[in-house]
């Protein structure tokens, strides 16, 4: 006889219900094609002058089948792998993951840049962006965050000229 799986600290029935009841068109109207294009331009700007890569994913809600057992941090780590943000030459990929339903923002940084930046710096950047997002300044807050990440990458991986170009797409990924 098998035992039922014991719930873990991260298991959440309320998180699952939030995903089930989430209505994207009520919460993600701000993410128009024009906003996506402007944010993609901000990613491109954030990548100038260094050898790092920045990748932005905005997701309406966690996939229902994952929502009970998976929080947004784990989802961000999964997407970091799925979109191969870790697969940069100098391990300088950074994923910015926004989950609209959970009002959550996570930064997942590869080991190259993470060796230079403390977790408290990443958390402060997330907190600042989330503060702006909660004040309905979503696009501006994400743009400022991307610029700050670009500054960090320039500080540690400066390049006068980037002859090799992009390793990852600058286009914002919107998972519905």
N, C-alpha and C. Protein backbone atom coordinates (compact mmCIF):
# COMPACT_ATOMS: atom_id res chain seq x y z
N UNK A 1 0.85 -1.17 0.00
CA UNK A 1 0.00 0.00 0.00
C UNK A 1 0.90 1.24 0.00
N UNK A 2 0.60 2.20 -0.86
CA UNK A 2 1.41 3.42 -0.91
C UNK A 2 0.78 4.50 -0.04
N UNK A 3 1.65 5.27 0.55
CA UNK A 3 1.21 6.38 1.38
C UNK A 3 0.97 7.61 0.49
N UNK A 4 -0.03 8.42 0.83
CA UNK A 4 -0.20 9.65 0.07
C UNK A 4 1.00 10.57 0.32
N UNK A 5 1.31 11.33 -0.68
CA UNK A 5 2.45 12.23 -0.56
C UNK A 5 2.16 13.27 0.52
N UNK A 6 3.07 13.42 1.44
CA UNK A 6 2.90 14.42 2.49
C UNK A 6 3.09 15.81 1.90
N UNK A 7 2.23 16.74 2.27
CA UNK A 7 2.40 18.09 1.74
C UNK A 7 3.71 18.71 2.22
N UNK A 8 4.33 19.45 1.36
CA UNK A 8 5.56 20.14 1.75
C UNK A 8 5.22 21.58 2.11
N UNK A 9 6.19 22.29 2.62
CA UNK A 9 5.97 23.67 3.04
C UNK A 9 5.54 24.55 1.86
N UNK A 10 5.97 24.18 0.67
CA UNK A 10 5.64 25.02 -0.48
C UNK A 10 4.30 24.67 -1.12
N UNK A 11 3.73 23.51 -0.79
CA UNK A 11 2.43 23.14 -1.33
C UNK A 11 1.39 24.16 -0.86
N UNK A 12 0.52 24.58 -1.80
CA UNK A 12 -0.43 25.62 -1.43
C UNK A 12 -1.72 25.47 -2.22
N UNK A 13 -2.77 25.16 -1.51
CA UNK A 13 -4.09 25.09 -2.12
C UNK A 13 -4.57 26.49 -2.50
N UNK A 14 -4.28 27.47 -1.69
CA UNK A 14 -4.70 28.85 -2.01
C UNK A 14 -3.99 29.36 -3.27
N UNK A 15 -2.71 29.02 -3.45
CA UNK A 15 -2.00 29.41 -4.68
C UNK A 15 -2.67 28.75 -5.88
N UNK A 16 -3.00 27.48 -5.76
CA UNK A 16 -3.66 26.77 -6.84
C UNK A 16 -4.98 27.44 -7.21
N UNK A 17 -5.78 27.78 -6.20
CA UNK A 17 -7.07 28.44 -6.46
C UNK A 17 -6.88 29.80 -7.13
N UNK A 18 -5.85 30.56 -6.70
CA UNK A 18 -5.60 31.85 -7.36
C UNK A 18 -5.37 31.68 -8.85
N UNK A 19 -4.64 30.62 -9.23
CA UNK A 19 -4.35 30.37 -10.64
C UNK A 19 -5.62 29.97 -11.39
N UNK A 20 -6.43 29.14 -10.76
CA UNK A 20 -7.68 28.68 -11.38
C UNK A 20 -8.62 29.85 -11.62
N UNK A 21 -8.70 30.75 -10.66
CA UNK A 21 -9.66 31.86 -10.73
C UNK A 21 -9.12 33.09 -11.46
N UNK A 22 -7.86 33.07 -11.83
CA UNK A 22 -7.25 34.23 -12.47
C UNK A 22 -7.83 34.45 -13.87
N UNK A 23 -8.22 35.68 -14.17
CA UNK A 23 -8.77 36.04 -15.48
C UNK A 23 -7.77 36.98 -16.14
N UNK A 24 -6.95 36.47 -17.08
CA UNK A 24 -5.88 37.28 -17.66
C UNK A 24 -6.33 38.61 -18.23
N UNK A 25 -7.47 38.65 -18.92
CA UNK A 25 -7.85 39.90 -19.57
C UNK A 25 -8.20 41.00 -18.57
N UNK A 26 -8.42 40.65 -17.32
CA UNK A 26 -8.68 41.67 -16.30
C UNK A 26 -7.38 42.22 -15.72
N UNK A 27 -6.30 41.45 -15.81
CA UNK A 27 -5.06 41.82 -15.12
C UNK A 27 -3.88 42.11 -16.04
N UNK A 28 -3.93 41.68 -17.26
CA UNK A 28 -2.75 41.87 -18.12
C UNK A 28 -3.07 42.73 -19.34
N UNK A 29 -4.08 43.59 -19.21
CA UNK A 29 -4.40 44.51 -20.31
C UNK A 29 -3.25 45.46 -20.62
N UNK A 30 -2.44 45.73 -19.61
CA UNK A 30 -1.31 46.65 -19.78
C UNK A 30 -0.26 46.10 -20.75
N UNK A 31 -0.23 44.79 -20.93
CA UNK A 31 0.82 44.16 -21.75
C UNK A 31 0.39 44.11 -23.22
N UNK A 32 0.34 45.26 -23.82
CA UNK A 32 -0.03 45.39 -25.23
C UNK A 32 1.18 45.08 -26.11
N UNK A 33 0.97 44.87 -27.40
CA UNK A 33 2.12 44.66 -28.30
C UNK A 33 3.12 45.83 -28.25
N UNK A 34 2.62 47.05 -28.09
CA UNK A 34 3.51 48.22 -28.01
C UNK A 34 4.36 48.17 -26.74
N UNK A 35 3.77 47.77 -25.62
CA UNK A 35 4.52 47.66 -24.36
C UNK A 35 5.57 46.56 -24.48
N UNK A 36 5.18 45.42 -25.07
CA UNK A 36 6.15 44.33 -25.27
C UNK A 36 7.33 44.80 -26.12
N UNK A 37 7.03 45.56 -27.16
CA UNK A 37 8.10 46.07 -28.04
C UNK A 37 9.01 47.02 -27.27
N UNK A 38 8.44 47.91 -26.47
CA UNK A 38 9.26 48.85 -25.69
C UNK A 38 10.10 48.11 -24.66
N UNK A 39 9.52 47.10 -24.01
CA UNK A 39 10.29 46.32 -23.03
C UNK A 39 11.41 45.53 -23.73
N UNK A 40 11.13 45.01 -24.92
CA UNK A 40 12.17 44.32 -25.70
C UNK A 40 13.32 45.28 -26.02
N UNK A 41 12.98 46.53 -26.35
CA UNK A 41 14.01 47.54 -26.60
C UNK A 41 14.82 47.81 -25.33
N UNK A 42 14.16 47.79 -24.18
CA UNK A 42 14.86 48.00 -22.90
C UNK A 42 15.81 46.84 -22.61
N UNK A 43 15.42 45.62 -22.98
CA UNK A 43 16.32 44.48 -22.84
C UNK A 43 17.55 44.70 -23.72
N UNK A 44 17.33 45.10 -24.96
CA UNK A 44 18.45 45.37 -25.87
C UNK A 44 19.37 46.43 -25.29
N UNK A 45 18.80 47.51 -24.76
CA UNK A 45 19.60 48.58 -24.17
C UNK A 45 20.36 48.08 -22.94
N UNK A 46 19.72 47.23 -22.14
CA UNK A 46 20.37 46.70 -20.94
C UNK A 46 21.55 45.81 -21.28
N UNK A 47 21.56 45.25 -22.49
CA UNK A 47 22.64 44.34 -22.89
C UNK A 47 23.82 45.04 -23.56
N UNK A 48 23.74 46.34 -23.77
CA UNK A 48 24.83 47.06 -24.43
C UNK A 48 26.01 47.26 -23.48
N UNK A 49 27.22 47.06 -24.02
CA UNK A 49 28.43 47.40 -23.29
C UNK A 49 28.95 46.34 -22.34
N UNK A 50 28.43 45.13 -22.42
CA UNK A 50 28.92 44.04 -21.57
C UNK A 50 28.67 42.70 -22.26
N UNK A 51 29.18 41.65 -21.66
CA UNK A 51 29.07 40.32 -22.25
C UNK A 51 27.94 39.49 -21.63
N UNK A 52 27.09 40.12 -20.85
CA UNK A 52 25.98 39.41 -20.21
C UNK A 52 24.76 39.32 -21.10
N UNK A 53 23.82 38.52 -20.67
CA UNK A 53 22.54 38.35 -21.37
C UNK A 53 21.40 38.51 -20.39
N UNK A 54 20.38 39.25 -20.81
CA UNK A 54 19.20 39.50 -19.99
C UNK A 54 18.00 38.93 -20.73
N UNK A 55 17.15 38.22 -20.01
CA UNK A 55 15.99 37.58 -20.62
C UNK A 55 14.78 37.88 -19.75
N UNK A 56 13.70 38.38 -20.34
CA UNK A 56 12.49 38.76 -19.60
C UNK A 56 11.33 37.86 -20.01
N UNK A 57 10.73 37.22 -18.99
CA UNK A 57 9.54 36.41 -19.19
C UNK A 57 8.44 36.96 -18.30
N UNK A 58 7.29 37.21 -18.90
CA UNK A 58 6.10 37.64 -18.16
C UNK A 58 5.06 36.54 -18.34
N UNK A 59 4.58 36.01 -17.23
CA UNK A 59 3.61 34.92 -17.28
C UNK A 59 2.34 35.35 -16.56
N UNK A 60 1.20 35.09 -17.19
CA UNK A 60 -0.07 35.46 -16.56
C UNK A 60 -0.26 34.74 -15.24
N UNK A 61 -0.10 33.42 -15.26
CA UNK A 61 -0.28 32.62 -14.05
C UNK A 61 0.51 31.33 -14.18
N UNK A 62 0.72 30.67 -13.07
CA UNK A 62 1.40 29.38 -13.09
C UNK A 62 0.52 28.37 -13.83
N UNK A 63 1.12 27.43 -14.54
CA UNK A 63 0.31 26.37 -15.15
C UNK A 63 -0.48 25.64 -14.05
N UNK A 64 -1.75 25.44 -14.29
CA UNK A 64 -2.64 24.87 -13.27
C UNK A 64 -2.10 23.55 -12.72
N UNK A 65 -1.57 22.72 -13.61
CA UNK A 65 -1.09 21.41 -13.16
C UNK A 65 0.14 21.51 -12.26
N UNK A 66 0.80 22.65 -12.24
CA UNK A 66 1.99 22.85 -11.41
C UNK A 66 1.70 23.69 -10.17
N UNK A 67 0.61 24.42 -10.17
CA UNK A 67 0.38 25.49 -9.20
C UNK A 67 0.33 25.04 -7.74
N UNK A 68 -0.13 23.84 -7.47
CA UNK A 68 -0.22 23.39 -6.08
C UNK A 68 1.17 23.14 -5.49
N UNK A 69 2.05 22.53 -6.28
CA UNK A 69 3.37 22.12 -5.78
C UNK A 69 4.50 23.10 -6.11
N UNK A 70 4.28 24.03 -7.02
CA UNK A 70 5.36 24.87 -7.51
C UNK A 70 5.08 26.34 -7.21
N UNK A 71 6.05 27.01 -6.58
CA UNK A 71 5.89 28.44 -6.37
C UNK A 71 6.59 29.20 -7.51
N UNK A 72 6.51 30.50 -7.48
CA UNK A 72 7.05 31.28 -8.60
C UNK A 72 8.57 31.20 -8.69
N UNK A 73 9.24 31.04 -7.58
CA UNK A 73 10.72 30.91 -7.61
C UNK A 73 11.10 29.63 -8.36
N UNK A 74 10.45 28.53 -8.02
CA UNK A 74 10.74 27.27 -8.71
C UNK A 74 10.39 27.36 -10.20
N UNK A 75 9.28 28.02 -10.49
CA UNK A 75 8.87 28.19 -11.89
C UNK A 75 9.92 28.99 -12.64
N UNK A 76 10.44 30.04 -12.02
CA UNK A 76 11.48 30.85 -12.65
C UNK A 76 12.73 30.02 -12.92
N UNK A 77 13.09 29.17 -11.99
CA UNK A 77 14.27 28.31 -12.18
C UNK A 77 14.03 27.34 -13.33
N UNK A 78 12.82 26.78 -13.40
CA UNK A 78 12.48 25.88 -14.52
C UNK A 78 12.59 26.61 -15.86
N UNK A 79 12.07 27.83 -15.91
CA UNK A 79 12.11 28.60 -17.16
C UNK A 79 13.54 29.03 -17.50
N UNK A 80 14.35 29.30 -16.49
CA UNK A 80 15.77 29.62 -16.69
C UNK A 80 16.44 28.49 -17.47
N UNK A 81 16.08 27.27 -17.09
CA UNK A 81 16.61 26.09 -17.77
C UNK A 81 15.96 25.88 -19.14
N UNK A 82 14.64 25.95 -19.17
CA UNK A 82 13.89 25.70 -20.41
C UNK A 82 14.31 26.65 -21.54
N UNK A 83 14.51 27.91 -21.21
CA UNK A 83 14.90 28.90 -22.22
C UNK A 83 16.42 29.04 -22.35
N UNK A 84 17.13 28.16 -21.67
CA UNK A 84 18.60 28.05 -21.77
C UNK A 84 19.32 29.37 -21.44
N UNK A 85 18.79 30.08 -20.47
CA UNK A 85 19.42 31.32 -20.05
C UNK A 85 20.78 31.01 -19.43
N UNK A 86 20.95 29.84 -18.90
CA UNK A 86 22.21 29.40 -18.30
C UNK A 86 23.27 29.11 -19.36
N UNK A 87 22.86 28.99 -20.60
CA UNK A 87 23.75 28.52 -21.66
C UNK A 87 24.45 29.68 -22.38
N UNK A 88 25.12 30.53 -21.61
CA UNK A 88 25.90 31.61 -22.21
C UNK A 88 27.37 31.30 -21.99
N UNK A 89 28.20 31.84 -22.85
CA UNK A 89 29.62 31.50 -22.84
C UNK A 89 30.29 31.74 -21.49
N UNK A 90 29.96 32.86 -20.85
CA UNK A 90 30.62 33.19 -19.58
C UNK A 90 29.70 33.04 -18.37
N UNK A 91 28.60 32.31 -18.54
CA UNK A 91 27.64 32.08 -17.45
C UNK A 91 27.14 33.39 -16.86
N UNK A 92 26.74 34.30 -17.75
CA UNK A 92 26.29 35.62 -17.33
C UNK A 92 24.82 35.87 -17.68
N UNK A 93 24.06 34.82 -17.87
CA UNK A 93 22.64 34.98 -18.18
C UNK A 93 21.83 35.35 -16.94
N UNK A 94 20.88 36.25 -17.14
CA UNK A 94 19.99 36.66 -16.05
C UNK A 94 18.56 36.60 -16.56
N UNK A 95 17.72 35.88 -15.83
CA UNK A 95 16.30 35.81 -16.14
C UNK A 95 15.53 36.71 -15.18
N UNK A 96 14.69 37.56 -15.73
CA UNK A 96 13.73 38.33 -14.94
C UNK A 96 12.38 37.69 -15.23
N UNK A 97 11.77 37.15 -14.19
CA UNK A 97 10.49 36.44 -14.33
C UNK A 97 9.42 37.18 -13.54
N UNK A 98 8.35 37.55 -14.23
CA UNK A 98 7.22 38.23 -13.61
C UNK A 98 6.00 37.32 -13.72
N UNK A 99 5.35 37.08 -12.59
CA UNK A 99 4.10 36.32 -12.58
C UNK A 99 3.00 37.29 -12.17
N UNK A 100 2.10 37.58 -13.08
CA UNK A 100 1.07 38.59 -12.86
C UNK A 100 0.09 38.16 -11.78
N UNK A 101 -0.38 36.93 -11.84
CA UNK A 101 -1.36 36.44 -10.87
C UNK A 101 -0.82 36.51 -9.44
N UNK A 102 0.41 36.08 -9.25
CA UNK A 102 1.00 36.05 -7.92
C UNK A 102 1.62 37.38 -7.50
N UNK A 103 1.62 38.36 -8.43
CA UNK A 103 2.27 39.65 -8.17
C UNK A 103 3.69 39.42 -7.66
N UNK A 104 4.39 38.60 -8.43
CA UNK A 104 5.73 38.14 -8.03
C UNK A 104 6.74 38.46 -9.11
N UNK A 105 7.95 38.75 -8.68
CA UNK A 105 9.06 38.99 -9.59
C UNK A 105 10.27 38.26 -9.04
N UNK A 106 10.93 37.49 -9.88
CA UNK A 106 12.13 36.77 -9.49
C UNK A 106 13.25 37.06 -10.46
N UNK A 107 14.44 37.17 -9.93
CA UNK A 107 15.63 37.30 -10.76
C UNK A 107 16.45 36.04 -10.52
N UNK A 108 16.73 35.32 -11.61
CA UNK A 108 17.57 34.13 -11.53
C UNK A 108 18.84 34.44 -12.32
N UNK A 109 19.96 34.43 -11.65
CA UNK A 109 21.23 34.78 -12.29
C UNK A 109 22.14 33.56 -12.36
N UNK A 110 22.82 33.43 -13.47
CA UNK A 110 23.77 32.33 -13.65
C UNK A 110 24.98 32.53 -12.73
N UNK A 111 25.74 31.48 -12.55
CA UNK A 111 26.83 31.48 -11.58
C UNK A 111 27.92 32.50 -11.86
N UNK A 112 28.13 32.87 -13.12
CA UNK A 112 29.17 33.84 -13.43
C UNK A 112 28.91 35.19 -12.80
N UNK A 113 27.73 35.74 -13.03
CA UNK A 113 27.38 37.04 -12.45
C UNK A 113 27.00 36.89 -10.98
N UNK A 114 26.42 35.78 -10.62
CA UNK A 114 26.02 35.56 -9.23
C UNK A 114 27.22 35.55 -8.28
N UNK A 115 28.38 35.20 -8.79
CA UNK A 115 29.59 35.21 -7.96
C UNK A 115 29.96 36.63 -7.54
N UNK A 116 29.50 37.62 -8.27
CA UNK A 116 29.85 39.02 -7.99
C UNK A 116 28.75 39.78 -7.24
N UNK A 117 27.53 39.30 -7.31
CA UNK A 117 26.39 40.05 -6.77
C UNK A 117 25.75 39.25 -5.64
N UNK A 118 25.58 39.88 -4.50
CA UNK A 118 25.02 39.17 -3.35
C UNK A 118 23.50 39.00 -3.50
N UNK A 119 22.95 37.99 -2.86
CA UNK A 119 21.49 37.79 -2.90
C UNK A 119 20.71 39.01 -2.40
N UNK A 120 21.27 39.76 -1.46
CA UNK A 120 20.56 40.93 -0.94
C UNK A 120 20.42 42.01 -2.01
N UNK A 121 21.39 42.12 -2.90
CA UNK A 121 21.30 43.09 -3.99
C UNK A 121 20.19 42.68 -4.95
N UNK A 122 20.15 41.40 -5.32
CA UNK A 122 19.09 40.92 -6.20
C UNK A 122 17.72 41.16 -5.55
N UNK A 123 17.63 40.86 -4.25
CA UNK A 123 16.35 41.02 -3.55
C UNK A 123 15.93 42.48 -3.50
N UNK A 124 16.88 43.37 -3.25
CA UNK A 124 16.57 44.81 -3.21
C UNK A 124 16.06 45.28 -4.57
N UNK A 125 16.66 44.77 -5.64
CA UNK A 125 16.21 45.13 -6.99
C UNK A 125 14.79 44.62 -7.23
N UNK A 126 14.51 43.40 -6.80
CA UNK A 126 13.15 42.84 -6.93
C UNK A 126 12.15 43.67 -6.13
N UNK A 127 12.49 43.99 -4.89
CA UNK A 127 11.59 44.74 -4.02
C UNK A 127 11.27 46.11 -4.61
N UNK A 128 12.28 46.78 -5.14
CA UNK A 128 12.07 48.10 -5.73
C UNK A 128 11.13 48.01 -6.93
N UNK A 129 11.36 47.03 -7.80
CA UNK A 129 10.50 46.85 -8.97
C UNK A 129 9.08 46.48 -8.56
N UNK A 130 8.95 45.60 -7.58
CA UNK A 130 7.61 45.20 -7.13
C UNK A 130 6.85 46.38 -6.51
N UNK A 131 7.56 47.27 -5.85
CA UNK A 131 6.93 48.46 -5.29
C UNK A 131 6.33 49.31 -6.41
N UNK A 132 7.08 49.52 -7.47
CA UNK A 132 6.57 50.27 -8.62
C UNK A 132 5.42 49.56 -9.29
N UNK A 133 5.53 48.24 -9.41
CA UNK A 133 4.47 47.45 -10.04
C UNK A 133 3.18 47.57 -9.23
N UNK A 134 3.28 47.51 -7.90
CA UNK A 134 2.08 47.62 -7.07
C UNK A 134 1.45 49.00 -7.16
N UNK A 135 2.24 50.00 -7.58
CA UNK A 135 1.71 51.36 -7.79
C UNK A 135 1.28 51.58 -9.24
N UNK A 136 1.05 50.49 -9.96
CA UNK A 136 0.57 50.52 -11.34
C UNK A 136 1.56 51.16 -12.32
N UNK A 137 2.84 51.14 -11.99
CA UNK A 137 3.88 51.64 -12.89
C UNK A 137 4.68 50.44 -13.40
N UNK A 138 3.99 49.50 -13.99
CA UNK A 138 4.57 48.22 -14.35
C UNK A 138 5.66 48.38 -15.40
N UNK A 139 5.35 49.01 -16.51
CA UNK A 139 6.33 49.15 -17.59
C UNK A 139 7.55 49.95 -17.12
N UNK A 140 7.31 51.05 -16.43
CA UNK A 140 8.42 51.88 -15.95
C UNK A 140 9.30 51.11 -14.96
N UNK A 141 8.66 50.39 -14.05
CA UNK A 141 9.41 49.63 -13.04
C UNK A 141 10.26 48.54 -13.68
N UNK A 142 9.69 47.83 -14.65
CA UNK A 142 10.46 46.79 -15.34
C UNK A 142 11.59 47.41 -16.15
N UNK A 143 11.33 48.55 -16.78
CA UNK A 143 12.38 49.24 -17.54
C UNK A 143 13.53 49.67 -16.65
N UNK A 144 13.22 50.21 -15.47
CA UNK A 144 14.26 50.61 -14.52
C UNK A 144 15.04 49.40 -14.03
N UNK A 145 14.33 48.31 -13.75
CA UNK A 145 15.00 47.09 -13.31
C UNK A 145 15.97 46.58 -14.37
N UNK A 146 15.53 46.55 -15.61
CA UNK A 146 16.39 46.09 -16.70
C UNK A 146 17.63 46.99 -16.81
N UNK A 147 17.45 48.29 -16.67
CA UNK A 147 18.59 49.22 -16.73
C UNK A 147 19.57 48.95 -15.58
N UNK A 148 19.05 48.70 -14.38
CA UNK A 148 19.91 48.40 -13.23
C UNK A 148 20.70 47.10 -13.46
N UNK A 149 20.04 46.11 -14.03
CA UNK A 149 20.73 44.84 -14.31
C UNK A 149 21.83 45.08 -15.34
N UNK A 150 21.54 45.89 -16.35
CA UNK A 150 22.55 46.23 -17.34
C UNK A 150 23.76 46.90 -16.70
N UNK A 151 23.50 47.82 -15.76
CA UNK A 151 24.60 48.49 -15.04
C UNK A 151 25.46 47.48 -14.28
N UNK A 152 24.80 46.56 -13.60
CA UNK A 152 25.56 45.53 -12.86
C UNK A 152 26.44 44.71 -13.80
N UNK A 153 25.87 44.31 -14.91
CA UNK A 153 26.64 43.52 -15.87
C UNK A 153 27.81 44.33 -16.44
N UNK A 154 27.59 45.62 -16.70
CA UNK A 154 28.68 46.47 -17.20
C UNK A 154 29.79 46.61 -16.17
N UNK A 155 29.42 46.59 -14.91
CA UNK A 155 30.39 46.73 -13.84
C UNK A 155 31.35 45.54 -13.81
N UNK A 156 30.86 44.34 -14.08
CA UNK A 156 31.68 43.14 -13.95
C UNK A 156 32.11 42.52 -15.28
N UNK A 157 31.40 42.83 -16.36
CA UNK A 157 31.70 42.21 -17.66
C UNK A 157 31.76 43.26 -18.76
N UNK A 158 32.41 44.36 -18.47
CA UNK A 158 32.50 45.50 -19.39
C UNK A 158 33.11 45.10 -20.72
N UNK A 159 32.57 45.68 -21.75
CA UNK A 159 33.07 45.48 -23.11
C UNK A 159 32.91 46.79 -23.87
N UNK A 160 33.94 47.27 -24.46
CA UNK A 160 33.82 48.50 -25.25
C UNK A 160 33.01 48.25 -26.51
N UNK A 161 33.23 47.08 -27.10
CA UNK A 161 32.51 46.72 -28.32
C UNK A 161 32.14 45.25 -28.18
N UNK A 162 30.92 44.91 -28.52
CA UNK A 162 30.45 43.53 -28.39
C UNK A 162 30.38 42.90 -29.78
N UNK A 163 31.51 42.41 -30.28
CA UNK A 163 31.52 41.88 -31.64
C UNK A 163 30.75 40.58 -31.82
N UNK A 164 30.55 39.82 -30.75
CA UNK A 164 29.89 38.53 -30.88
C UNK A 164 28.37 38.65 -30.90
N UNK A 165 27.84 39.77 -30.44
CA UNK A 165 26.39 39.96 -30.48
C UNK A 165 25.65 39.18 -29.41
N UNK A 166 24.39 38.96 -29.66
CA UNK A 166 23.48 38.33 -28.72
C UNK A 166 23.60 36.81 -28.70
N UNK A 167 23.56 36.27 -27.50
CA UNK A 167 23.48 34.81 -27.37
C UNK A 167 22.02 34.39 -27.16
N UNK A 168 21.21 35.31 -26.64
CA UNK A 168 19.79 35.03 -26.37
C UNK A 168 18.94 36.14 -27.01
N UNK A 169 17.72 35.82 -27.33
CA UNK A 169 16.80 36.80 -27.90
C UNK A 169 16.50 37.90 -26.89
N UNK A 170 16.31 39.12 -27.40
CA UNK A 170 15.93 40.24 -26.54
C UNK A 170 14.41 40.40 -26.45
N UNK A 171 13.68 39.64 -27.23
CA UNK A 171 12.23 39.76 -27.27
C UNK A 171 11.60 39.23 -25.98
N UNK A 172 10.71 40.03 -25.42
CA UNK A 172 9.99 39.63 -24.21
C UNK A 172 9.14 38.40 -24.52
N UNK A 173 9.20 37.42 -23.63
CA UNK A 173 8.38 36.23 -23.76
C UNK A 173 7.16 36.40 -22.84
N UNK A 174 5.97 36.28 -23.42
CA UNK A 174 4.74 36.37 -22.64
C UNK A 174 4.07 35.00 -22.65
N UNK A 175 4.04 34.38 -21.49
CA UNK A 175 3.39 33.07 -21.37
C UNK A 175 1.98 33.31 -20.83
N UNK A 176 1.02 32.90 -21.60
CA UNK A 176 -0.37 33.15 -21.24
C UNK A 176 -0.90 31.99 -20.45
